[in-house]
Amino acid sequence: MKLHNTIINFHVIQNMEWMEDIIKMLSKKFEMISIEQLEDYYYGKLEGKNYCHITIDDGDNSVYSHLFPLLKKYQVPVSIFVSPKAVITGKNFWFQEIKGYDPVKLLQYYNKYKGTNFQFVNGKQVNALIKSCPIDEIHEIIKNFKKIYQIPDKERRCLTIEQLKELQASDLVGIGAHTLHHPILKNEKEDVVRIEIIESINQLSAILGEEVKYFAYPNGMPEFDFGNREINILKEKKIKLAFSTEGKNFSKNDNPLSIPRRGVTKGSATFVYTKLLLGNSWDTIKQLIKGKQEKYYRVNEGV
């Protein structure tokens, strides 16, 4: 059975054997295409109805250690989206740094910092509340929390410059920008948004020695995490493709600067295949099974 055009998005490759099973399944069910071919598809130079492209956000070092050997083995093209600042400095994104923190204590400090009185529900709620803040506030909350509880910095999660250039040289990995600090762009004032987008593209271009044509929005839900303001800035920078996390199949009807992707974090190859078969019904089914998702707990603070 042929499946509809799909982009699969990953973040961290926890298990190499698991990823190999997923790649083998996708390669059997789809024609795997590169990001350059995807660009051709959106700009009228390529036609097809059974395409799959793999993307990986955040530039986690598991891309190099766990995924890259599989890409060479199976000759599967992918694209990754990274922060040049993280690559250069080794400083983790804020959500990487708070992983494993006690969510009850973190919510207590959040309430104190913000002057709120949220009651603890679950870790998803706490992440969502922090994610609702502008990026400067997020960094301040984390810095103060670490100081209070004497929490050291976590080990580097991001790819190094050398690893990134090796991936680039393989011709199997397209590389795009993902802002500097991974803010939710909708939370930020325009001057911050312009710096986060434009500087991430400029600095990544300088590292790679070539034009950066691709971008992925942090978190990535259209209208909720980004909107026309961000799309227009990408147009100014002549970005060809930009990726959301809207969970549906891709088609010629998409805005090339808001391309949908289906996220995968776990589950067997059979589970992932079933998810793809369910197509655009999956998000509804997921909510019925797992209940309220993170989006429900977000707070609109305005800018």
C-alpha atoms as a PDB file:
ATOM      1  CA  MET A   1       0.000   0.000   0.000  1.00  0.00           C
ATOM      2  CA  LYS A   2       1.394   3.389  -0.998  1.00  0.00           C
ATOM      3  CA  LEU A   3       1.373   6.118   1.622  1.00  0.00           C
ATOM      4  CA  HIS A   4       0.935   9.845   1.092  1.00  0.00           C
ATOM      5  CA  ASN A   5       3.879  12.234   1.000  1.00  0.00           C
ATOM      6  CA  THR A   6       5.235  12.525   4.532  1.00  0.00           C
ATOM      7  CA  ILE A   7       8.030  14.288   6.403  1.00  0.00           C
ATOM      8  CA  ILE A   8       9.118  12.498   9.591  1.00  0.00           C
ATOM      9  CA  ASN A   9      10.730  14.623  12.299  1.00  0.00           C
ATOM     10  CA  PHE A  10      13.019  13.378  15.082  1.00  0.00           C
ATOM     11  CA  HIS A  11      14.910  15.145  17.872  1.00  0.00           C
ATOM     12  CA  VAL A  12      17.108  12.686  19.793  1.00  0.00           C
ATOM     13  CA  ILE A  13      18.094   9.267  18.426  1.00  0.00           C
ATOM     14  CA  GLN A  14      18.067   7.283  21.671  1.00  0.00           C
ATOM     15  CA  ASN A  15      18.626   3.829  20.215  1.00  0.00           C
ATOM     16  CA  MET A  16      20.550   2.923  17.069  1.00  0.00           C
ATOM     17  CA  GLU A  17      18.796  -0.429  16.530  1.00  0.00           C
ATOM     18  CA  TRP A  18      15.401   1.253  16.842  1.00  0.00           C
ATOM     19  CA  MET A  19      16.389   3.914  14.309  1.00  0.00           C
ATOM     20  CA  GLU A  20      17.665   1.277  11.904  1.00  0.00           C
ATOM     21  CA  ASP A  21      14.289  -0.488  12.015  1.00  0.00           C
ATOM     22  CA  ILE A  22      12.519   2.800  11.290  1.00  0.00           C
ATOM     23  CA  ILE A  23      14.819   3.617   8.364  1.00  0.00           C
ATOM     24  CA  LYS A  24      14.368   0.139   6.858  1.00  0.00           C
ATOM     25  CA  MET A  25      10.578   0.408   7.176  1.00  0.00           C
ATOM     26  CA  LEU A  26      10.443   3.875   5.639  1.00  0.00           C
ATOM     27  CA  SER A  27      12.758   2.856   2.791  1.00  0.00           C
ATOM     28  CA  LYS A  28      10.423  -0.040   1.909  1.00  0.00           C
ATOM     29  CA  LYS A  29       7.244   2.019   2.037  1.00  0.00           C
ATOM     30  CA  PHE A  30       8.437   5.311   0.507  1.00  0.00           C
ATOM     31  CA  GLU A  31      10.757   6.843  -2.000  1.00  0.00           C
ATOM     32  CA  MET A  32      13.212   8.618   0.298  1.00  0.00           C
ATOM     33  CA  ILE A  33      14.131  12.077  -0.984  1.00  0.00           C
ATOM     34  CA  SER A  34      16.680  14.736  -0.047  1.00  0.00           C
ATOM     35  CA  ILE A  35      15.843  18.276   1.007  1.00  0.00           C
ATOM     36  CA  GLU A  36      17.055  19.485  -2.392  1.00  0.00           C
ATOM     37  CA  GLN A  37      14.508  17.182  -4.047  1.00  0.00           C
ATOM     38  CA  LEU A  38      11.872  18.457  -1.633  1.00  0.00           C
ATOM     39  CA  GLU A  39      12.740  21.999  -2.730  1.00  0.00           C
ATOM     40  CA  ASP A  40      12.313  20.895  -6.346  1.00  0.00           C
ATOM     41  CA  TYR A  41       8.924  19.401  -5.444  1.00  0.00           C
ATOM     42  CA  TYR A  42       7.647  22.671  -3.982  1.00  0.00           C
ATOM     43  CA  TYR A  43       8.998  24.795  -6.813  1.00  0.00           C
ATOM     44  CA  GLY A  44       7.578  22.704  -9.654  1.00  0.00           C
ATOM     45  CA  LYS A  45      10.573  20.654 -10.766  1.00  0.00           C
ATOM     46  CA  LEU A  46       9.533  17.311  -9.235  1.00  0.00           C
ATOM     47  CA  GLU A  47       6.270  15.374  -9.056  1.00  0.00           C
ATOM     48  CA  GLY A  48       5.413  12.381  -6.869  1.00  0.00           C
ATOM     49  CA  LYS A  49       2.947  10.908  -4.389  1.00  0.00           C
ATOM     50  CA  ASN A  50       4.974   8.498  -2.300  1.00  0.00           C
ATOM     51  CA  TYR A  51       7.820  10.626  -1.012  1.00  0.00           C
ATOM     52  CA  CYS A  52       9.332  10.685   2.478  1.00  0.00           C
ATOM     53  CA  HIS A  53      11.935  13.029   3.890  1.00  0.00           C
ATOM     54  CA  ILE A  54      13.518  12.738   7.350  1.00  0.00           C
ATOM     55  CA  THR A  55      14.306  15.827   9.416  1.00  0.00           C
ATOM     56  CA  ILE A  56      15.982  16.150  12.831  1.00  0.00           C
ATOM     57  CA  ASP A  57      15.640  19.307  14.916  1.00  0.00           C
ATOM     58  CA  ASP A  58      18.073  20.772  17.490  1.00  0.00           C
ATOM     59  CA  GLY A  59      21.362  19.249  16.278  1.00  0.00           C
ATOM     60  CA  ASP A  60      21.655  16.722  19.101  1.00  0.00           C
ATOM     61  CA  ASN A  61      24.985  14.857  19.072  1.00  0.00           C
ATOM     62  CA  SER A  62      23.118  11.566  18.621  1.00  0.00           C
ATOM     63  CA  VAL A  63      22.707  12.645  14.985  1.00  0.00           C
ATOM     64  CA  TYR A  64      26.437  12.060  14.569  1.00  0.00           C
ATOM     65  CA  SER A  65      26.892   9.068  16.887  1.00  0.00           C
ATOM     66  CA  HIS A  66      23.686   7.085  16.209  1.00  0.00           C
ATOM     67  CA  LEU A  67      22.166   8.312  12.943  1.00  0.00           C
ATOM     68  CA  PHE A  68      25.093   9.165  10.672  1.00  0.00           C
ATOM     69  CA  PRO A  69      26.433   5.574  10.476  1.00  0.00           C
ATOM     70  CA  LEU A  70      22.958   4.422   9.391  1.00  0.00           C
ATOM     71  CA  LEU A  71      22.685   7.115   6.750  1.00  0.00           C
ATOM     72  CA  LYS A  72      25.961   5.947   5.227  1.00  0.00           C
ATOM     73  CA  LYS A  73      24.920   2.296   5.441  1.00  0.00           C
ATOM     74  CA  TYR A  74      21.540   2.785   3.766  1.00  0.00           C
ATOM     75  CA  GLN A  75      22.355   5.925   1.736  1.00  0.00           C
ATOM     76  CA  VAL A  76      19.298   7.738   3.066  1.00  0.00           C
ATOM     77  CA  PRO A  77      19.281  11.554   2.819  1.00  0.00           C
ATOM     78  CA  VAL A  78      18.065  13.681   5.748  1.00  0.00           C
ATOM     79  CA  SER A  79      18.105  17.289   6.882  1.00  0.00           C
ATOM     80  CA  ILE A  80      19.019  18.680  10.288  1.00  0.00           C
ATOM     81  CA  PHE A  81      18.227  22.039  11.877  1.00  0.00           C
ATOM     82  CA  VAL A  82      20.736  23.550  14.267  1.00  0.00           C
ATOM     83  CA  SER A  83      21.637  26.661  16.228  1.00  0.00           C
ATOM     84  CA  PRO A  84      25.038  28.046  15.197  1.00  0.00           C
ATOM     85  CA  LYS A  85      25.395  29.530  18.672  1.00  0.00           C
ATOM     86  CA  ALA A  86      24.998  26.099  20.276  1.00  0.00           C
ATOM     87  CA  VAL A  87      27.426  24.582  17.771  1.00  0.00           C
ATOM     88  CA  ILE A  88      30.064  27.248  18.454  1.00  0.00           C
ATOM     89  CA  THR A  89      29.713  27.584  22.240  1.00  0.00           C
ATOM     90  CA  GLY A  90      28.520  24.108  23.242  1.00  0.00           C
ATOM     91  CA  LYS A  91      25.830  25.721  25.404  1.00  0.00           C
ATOM     92  CA  ASN A  92      22.685  23.608  25.611  1.00  0.00           C
ATOM     93  CA  PHE A  93      19.222  24.765  24.686  1.00  0.00           C
ATOM     94  CA  TRP A  94      17.151  25.666  27.755  1.00  0.00           C
ATOM     95  CA  PHE A  95      14.900  22.582  27.488  1.00  0.00           C
ATOM     96  CA  GLN A  96      17.927  20.302  27.286  1.00  0.00           C
ATOM     97  CA  GLU A  97      19.295  21.905  30.438  1.00  0.00           C
ATOM     98  CA  ILE A  98      16.114  21.430  32.532  1.00  0.00           C
ATOM     99  CA  LYS A  99      15.538  17.817  31.522  1.00  0.00           C
ATOM    100  CA  GLY A 100      15.467  15.727  34.708  1.00  0.00           C
ATOM    101  CA  TYR A 101      14.859  18.681  37.023  1.00  0.00           C
ATOM    102  CA  ASP A 102      12.284  18.128  39.774  1.00  0.00           C
ATOM    103  CA  PRO A 103       9.132  19.557  38.112  1.00  0.00           C
ATOM    104  CA  VAL A 104       7.404  20.298  41.436  1.00  0.00           C
ATOM    105  CA  LYS A 105      10.305  22.439  42.641  1.00  0.00           C
ATOM    106  CA  LEU A 106      10.620  24.042  39.234  1.00  0.00           C
ATOM    107  CA  LEU A 107       6.936  25.022  39.287  1.00  0.00           C
ATOM    108  CA  GLN A 108       7.338  26.402  42.804  1.00  0.00           C
ATOM    109  CA  TYR A 109      10.170  28.632  41.637  1.00  0.00           C
ATOM    110  CA  TYR A 110       8.252  29.596  38.477  1.00  0.00           C
ATOM    111  CA  ASN A 111       5.294  30.703  40.637  1.00  0.00           C
ATOM    112  CA  LYS A 112       7.597  32.749  42.859  1.00  0.00           C
ATOM    113  CA  TYR A 113       9.337  34.364  39.882  1.00  0.00           C
ATOM    114  CA  LYS A 114       6.139  35.132  37.976  1.00  0.00           C
ATOM    115  CA  GLY A 115       3.877  35.903  40.948  1.00  0.00           C
ATOM    116  CA  THR A 116       1.470  33.129  39.953  1.00  0.00           C
ATOM    117  CA  ASN A 117      -0.140  30.274  41.878  1.00  0.00           C
ATOM    118  CA  PHE A 118      -0.370  27.329  39.515  1.00  0.00           C
ATOM    119  CA  GLN A 119      -1.030  23.961  41.132  1.00  0.00           C
ATOM    120  CA  PHE A 120       1.151  21.106  39.946  1.00  0.00           C
ATOM    121  CA  VAL A 121      -0.464  18.790  37.388  1.00  0.00           C
ATOM    122  CA  ASN A 122       2.444  17.043  35.634  1.00  0.00           C
ATOM    123  CA  GLY A 123       5.801  17.691  34.035  1.00  0.00           C
ATOM    124  CA  LYS A 124       4.139  18.512  30.730  1.00  0.00           C
ATOM    125  CA  GLN A 125       2.339  21.407  32.404  1.00  0.00           C
ATOM    126  CA  VAL A 126       5.569  22.813  33.894  1.00  0.00           C
ATOM    127  CA  ASN A 127       7.402  22.659  30.558  1.00  0.00           C
ATOM    128  CA  ALA A 128       4.460  24.388  28.885  1.00  0.00           C
ATOM    129  CA  LEU A 129       4.405  27.223  31.413  1.00  0.00           C
ATOM    130  CA  ILE A 130       8.123  27.855  30.992  1.00  0.00           C
ATOM    131  CA  LYS A 131       7.724  27.625  27.243  1.00  0.00           C
ATOM    132  CA  SER A 132       5.171  30.450  27.473  1.00  0.00           C
ATOM    133  CA  CYS A 133       7.840  32.917  28.640  1.00  0.00           C
ATOM    134  CA  PRO A 134      10.097  35.102  26.493  1.00  0.00           C
ATOM    135  CA  ILE A 135      13.538  33.569  26.081  1.00  0.00           C
ATOM    136  CA  ASP A 136      15.304  36.063  28.384  1.00  0.00           C
ATOM    137  CA  GLU A 137      12.913  35.130  31.204  1.00  0.00           C
ATOM    138  CA  ILE A 138      13.427  31.432  30.547  1.00  0.00           C
ATOM    139  CA  HIS A 139      17.191  31.834  30.868  1.00  0.00           C
ATOM    140  CA  GLU A 140      16.786  33.883  34.058  1.00  0.00           C
ATOM    141  CA  ILE A 141      14.452  31.309  35.646  1.00  0.00           C
ATOM    142  CA  ILE A 142      16.845  28.476  34.865  1.00  0.00           C
ATOM    143  CA  LYS A 143      19.924  30.400  36.037  1.00  0.00           C
ATOM    144  CA  ASN A 144      18.314  31.259  39.370  1.00  0.00           C
ATOM    145  CA  PHE A 145      16.887  27.779  39.862  1.00  0.00           C
ATOM    146  CA  LYS A 146      20.305  26.197  39.269  1.00  0.00           C
ATOM    147  CA  LYS A 147      21.887  28.600  41.726  1.00  0.00           C
ATOM    148  CA  ILE A 148      19.321  27.883  44.462  1.00  0.00           C
ATOM    149  CA  TYR A 149      19.633  24.101  44.152  1.00  0.00           C
ATOM    150  CA  GLN A 150      23.351  24.090  43.213  1.00  0.00           C
ATOM    151  CA  ILE A 151      22.740  22.287  39.932  1.00  0.00           C
ATOM    152  CA  PRO A 152      25.748  22.108  37.599  1.00  0.00           C
ATOM    153  CA  ASP A 153      25.560  22.617  33.841  1.00  0.00           C
ATOM    154  CA  LYS A 154      24.729  19.501  31.880  1.00  0.00           C
ATOM    155  CA  GLU A 155      27.165  17.977  29.414  1.00  0.00           C
ATOM    156  CA  ARG A 156      27.127  19.346  25.887  1.00  0.00           C
ATOM    157  CA  ARG A 157      24.281  17.988  23.739  1.00  0.00           C
ATOM    158  CA  CYS A 158      24.945  19.816  20.463  1.00  0.00           C
ATOM    159  CA  LEU A 159      27.057  18.770  17.515  1.00  0.00           C
ATOM    160  CA  THR A 160      30.512  20.304  17.222  1.00  0.00           C
ATOM    161  CA  ILE A 161      31.652  22.389  14.252  1.00  0.00           C
ATOM    162  CA  GLU A 162      33.837  19.486  13.102  1.00  0.00           C
ATOM    163  CA  GLN A 163      30.945  17.007  13.253  1.00  0.00           C
ATOM    164  CA  LEU A 164      28.641  19.409  11.446  1.00  0.00           C
ATOM    165  CA  LYS A 165      31.139  19.877   8.619  1.00  0.00           C
ATOM    166  CA  GLU A 166      31.632  16.112   8.306  1.00  0.00           C
ATOM    167  CA  LEU A 167      27.869  15.672   7.988  1.00  0.00           C
ATOM    168  CA  GLN A 168      27.796  18.435   5.378  1.00  0.00           C
ATOM    169  CA  ALA A 169      30.621  16.831   3.361  1.00  0.00           C
ATOM    170  CA  SER A 170      28.788  13.487   3.169  1.00  0.00           C
ATOM    171  CA  ASP A 171      26.172  14.915   0.754  1.00  0.00           C
ATOM    172  CA  LEU A 172      23.586  12.941   2.746  1.00  0.00           C
ATOM    173  CA  VAL A 173      22.732  15.707   5.224  1.00  0.00           C
ATOM    174  CA  GLY A 174      21.126  19.027   4.379  1.00  0.00           C
ATOM    175  CA  ILE A 175      21.604  21.652   7.104  1.00  0.00           C
ATOM    176  CA  GLY A 176      19.233  24.443   8.053  1.00  0.00           C
ATOM    177  CA  ALA A 177      18.886  27.051  10.793  1.00  0.00           C
ATOM    178  CA  HIS A 178      16.809  26.708  13.969  1.00  0.00           C
ATOM    179  CA  THR A 179      17.261  30.154  15.637  1.00  0.00           C
ATOM    180  CA  LEU A 180      20.022  30.997  18.132  1.00  0.00           C
ATOM    181  CA  HIS A 181      18.404  30.122  21.492  1.00  0.00           C
ATOM    182  CA  HIS A 182      15.263  28.153  20.540  1.00  0.00           C
ATOM    183  CA  PRO A 183      12.668  30.704  21.705  1.00  0.00           C
ATOM    184  CA  ILE A 184       8.987  30.350  20.943  1.00  0.00           C
ATOM    185  CA  LEU A 185       9.039  33.106  18.353  1.00  0.00           C
ATOM    186  CA  LYS A 186       5.428  34.115  18.911  1.00  0.00           C
ATOM    187  CA  ASN A 187       6.380  35.092  22.502  1.00  0.00           C
ATOM    188  CA  GLU A 188       9.042  37.552  21.413  1.00  0.00           C
ATOM    189  CA  LYS A 189       9.109  41.174  20.287  1.00  0.00           C
ATOM    190  CA  GLU A 190       9.996  41.758  16.660  1.00  0.00           C
ATOM    191  CA  ASP A 191      13.554  42.941  17.321  1.00  0.00           C
ATOM    192  CA  VAL A 192      14.313  39.669  19.170  1.00  0.00           C
ATOM    193  CA  VAL A 193      12.640  37.594  16.462  1.00  0.00           C
ATOM    194  CA  ARG A 194      14.669  39.259  13.732  1.00  0.00           C
ATOM    195  CA  ILE A 195      17.931  38.621  15.589  1.00  0.00           C
ATOM    196  CA  GLU A 196      17.038  35.003  16.360  1.00  0.00           C
ATOM    197  CA  ILE A 197      16.137  34.226  12.746  1.00  0.00           C
ATOM    198  CA  ILE A 198      18.517  36.404  10.741  1.00  0.00           C
ATOM    199  CA  GLU A 199      21.619  35.837  12.868  1.00  0.00           C
ATOM    200  CA  SER A 200      21.032  32.084  12.999  1.00  0.00           C
ATOM    201  CA  ILE A 201      20.977  31.999   9.207  1.00  0.00           C
ATOM    202  CA  ASN A 202      23.981  34.331   8.806  1.00  0.00           C
ATOM    203  CA  GLN A 203      26.142  32.581  11.399  1.00  0.00           C
ATOM    204  CA  LEU A 204      25.301  29.108  10.107  1.00  0.00           C
ATOM    205  CA  SER A 205      26.128  30.218   6.553  1.00  0.00           C
ATOM    206  CA  ALA A 206      29.522  31.413   7.815  1.00  0.00           C
ATOM    207  CA  ILE A 207      30.239  28.065   9.497  1.00  0.00           C
ATOM    208  CA  LEU A 208      29.229  26.020   6.454  1.00  0.00           C
ATOM    209  CA  GLY A 209      30.733  28.325   3.848  1.00  0.00           C
ATOM    210  CA  GLU A 210      27.561  28.247   1.785  1.00  0.00           C
ATOM    211  CA  GLU A 211      24.120  29.789   1.570  1.00  0.00           C
ATOM    212  CA  VAL A 212      21.572  28.463   4.090  1.00  0.00           C
ATOM    213  CA  LYS A 213      18.223  27.970   2.355  1.00  0.00           C
ATOM    214  CA  TYR A 214      16.247  26.054   4.984  1.00  0.00           C
ATOM    215  CA  PHE A 215      14.773  26.760   8.416  1.00  0.00           C
ATOM    216  CA  ALA A 216      12.719  24.994  11.096  1.00  0.00           C
ATOM    217  CA  TYR A 217      10.570  26.909  13.592  1.00  0.00           C
ATOM    218  CA  PRO A 218      11.169  26.072  17.282  1.00  0.00           C
ATOM    219  CA  ASN A 219       8.218  24.056  18.580  1.00  0.00           C
ATOM    220  CA  GLY A 220       6.651  24.841  15.248  1.00  0.00           C
ATOM    221  CA  MET A 221       2.845  24.965  15.481  1.00  0.00           C
ATOM    222  CA  PRO A 222       1.481  27.482  12.927  1.00  0.00           C
ATOM    223  CA  GLU A 223      -0.179  30.543  14.494  1.00  0.00           C
ATOM    224  CA  PHE A 224       0.594  29.191  17.961  1.00  0.00           C
ATOM    225  CA  ASP A 225       4.416  29.304  17.813  1.00  0.00           C
ATOM    226  CA  PHE A 226       4.954  31.437  14.695  1.00  0.00           C
ATOM    227  CA  GLY A 227       2.951  33.392  12.144  1.00  0.00           C
ATOM    228  CA  ASN A 228       3.151  35.766   9.188  1.00  0.00           C
ATOM    229  CA  ARG A 229       5.718  37.983  10.924  1.00  0.00           C
ATOM    230  CA  GLU A 230       8.230  35.131  11.017  1.00  0.00           C
ATOM    231  CA  ILE A 231       7.361  33.943   7.508  1.00  0.00           C
ATOM    232  CA  ASN A 232       7.972  37.428   6.112  1.00  0.00           C
ATOM    233  CA  ILE A 233      11.402  37.634   7.753  1.00  0.00           C
ATOM    234  CA  LEU A 234      12.318  34.299   6.155  1.00  0.00           C
ATOM    235  CA  LYS A 235      11.177  35.660   2.791  1.00  0.00           C
ATOM    236  CA  GLU A 236      13.538  38.608   3.284  1.00  0.00           C
ATOM    237  CA  LYS A 237      16.385  36.125   3.837  1.00  0.00           C
ATOM    238  CA  LYS A 238      15.386  34.193   0.703  1.00  0.00           C
ATOM    239  CA  ILE A 239      14.752  30.979   2.631  1.00  0.00           C
ATOM    240  CA  LYS A 240      13.298  28.369   0.271  1.00  0.00           C
ATOM    241  CA  LEU A 241      11.747  25.903   2.738  1.00  0.00           C
ATOM    242  CA  ALA A 242      10.703  26.286   6.370  1.00  0.00           C
ATOM    243  CA  PHE A 243       9.224  23.532   8.506  1.00  0.00           C
ATOM    244  CA  SER A 244       6.436  23.522  11.064  1.00  0.00           C
ATOM    245  CA  THR A 245       5.339  20.658  13.322  1.00  0.00           C
ATOM    246  CA  GLU A 246       1.784  20.568  12.008  1.00  0.00           C
ATOM    247  CA  GLY A 247       1.046  16.845  11.855  1.00  0.00           C
ATOM    248  CA  LYS A 248      -0.229  16.170   8.368  1.00  0.00           C
ATOM    249  CA  ASN A 249       0.930  14.969   4.958  1.00  0.00           C
ATOM    250  CA  PHE A 250       2.723  17.454   2.748  1.00  0.00           C
ATOM    251  CA  SER A 251       1.395  18.562  -0.636  1.00  0.00           C
ATOM    252  CA  LYS A 252       1.708  21.209  -3.353  1.00  0.00           C
ATOM    253  CA  ASN A 253      -0.993  23.185  -1.528  1.00  0.00           C
ATOM    254  CA  ASP A 254       1.369  23.957   1.386  1.00  0.00           C
ATOM    255  CA  ASN A 255       3.084  27.262   1.886  1.00  0.00           C
ATOM    256  CA  PRO A 256       6.768  26.306   1.323  1.00  0.00           C
ATOM    257  CA  LEU A 257       7.552  28.387   4.420  1.00  0.00           C
ATOM    258  CA  SER A 258       5.185  26.360   6.608  1.00  0.00           C
ATOM    259  CA  ILE A 259       5.673  22.718   5.635  1.00  0.00           C
ATOM    260  CA  PRO A 260       4.013  20.101   7.886  1.00  0.00           C
ATOM    261  CA  ARG A 261       5.877  17.238   9.579  1.00  0.00           C
ATOM    262  CA  ARG A 262       4.951  14.229  11.701  1.00  0.00           C
ATOM    263  CA  GLY A 263       6.949  13.876  14.897  1.00  0.00           C
ATOM    264  CA  VAL A 264       8.331  10.503  16.002  1.00  0.00           C
ATOM    265  CA  THR A 265       9.960   9.965  19.406  1.00  0.00           C
ATOM    266  CA  LYS A 266       9.379   6.280  20.168  1.00  0.00           C
ATOM    267  CA  GLY A 267       7.444   3.177  19.186  1.00  0.00           C
ATOM    268  CA  SER A 268       8.280   0.175  17.033  1.00  0.00           C
ATOM    269  CA  ALA A 269       8.511   0.362  13.258  1.00  0.00           C
ATOM    270  CA  THR A 270       5.073  -1.283  13.129  1.00  0.00           C
ATOM    271  CA  PHE A 271       3.658   1.412  15.424  1.00  0.00           C
ATOM    272  CA  VAL A 272       5.177   4.191  13.288  1.00  0.00           C
ATOM    273  CA  TYR A 273       3.800   2.588  10.129  1.00  0.00           C
ATOM    274  CA  THR A 274       0.344   2.395  11.724  1.00  0.00           C
ATOM    275  CA  LYS A 275       0.606   6.059  12.691  1.00  0.00           C
ATOM    276  CA  LEU A 276       1.402   6.938   9.074  1.00  0.00           C
ATOM    277  CA  LEU A 277      -1.526   4.850   7.815  1.00  0.00           C
ATOM    278  CA  LEU A 278      -3.861   6.741  10.141  1.00  0.00           C
ATOM    279  CA  GLY A 279      -2.585   9.945   8.556  1.00  0.00           C
ATOM    280  CA  ASN A 280      -4.342  13.122   9.530  1.00  0.00           C
ATOM    281  CA  SER A 281      -6.533  11.256  12.065  1.00  0.00           C
ATOM    282  CA  TRP A 282      -3.560  10.492  14.317  1.00  0.00           C
ATOM    283  CA  ASP A 283      -3.588  13.715  16.364  1.00  0.00           C
ATOM    284  CA  THR A 284      -7.248  13.213  17.296  1.00  0.00           C
ATOM    285  CA  ILE A 285      -6.618   9.609  18.309  1.00  0.00           C
ATOM    286  CA  LYS A 286      -3.517  10.616  20.303  1.00  0.00           C
ATOM    287  CA  GLN A 287      -5.488  13.150  22.317  1.00  0.00           C
ATOM    288  CA  LEU A 288      -8.203  10.597  23.090  1.00  0.00           C
ATOM    289  CA  ILE A 289      -5.590   8.094  24.301  1.00  0.00           C
ATOM    290  CA  LYS A 290      -3.151  10.400  26.123  1.00  0.00           C
ATOM    291  CA  GLY A 291      -5.413  13.232  27.237  1.00  0.00           C
ATOM    292  CA  LYS A 292      -4.449  16.902  27.342  1.00  0.00           C
ATOM    293  CA  GLN A 293      -1.333  17.756  25.389  1.00  0.00           C
ATOM    294  CA  GLU A 294       1.268  20.394  26.250  1.00  0.00           C
ATOM    295  CA  LYS A 295      -0.459  23.048  24.142  1.00  0.00           C
ATOM    296  CA  TYR A 296      -3.397  22.997  26.575  1.00  0.00           C
ATOM    297  CA  TYR A 297      -1.193  24.262  29.448  1.00  0.00           C
ATOM    298  CA  ARG A 298       0.484  27.112  27.596  1.00  0.00           C
ATOM    299  CA  VAL A 299      -0.160  30.675  28.799  1.00  0.00           C
ATOM    300  CA  ASN A 300      -0.540  33.561  26.377  1.00  0.00           C
ATOM    301  CA  GLU A 301       1.434  36.422  27.913  1.00  0.00           C
ATOM    302  CA  GLY A 302       1.435  38.633  24.858  1.00  0.00           C
ATOM    303  CA  VAL A 303       4.434  40.627  23.605  1.00  0.00           C
END
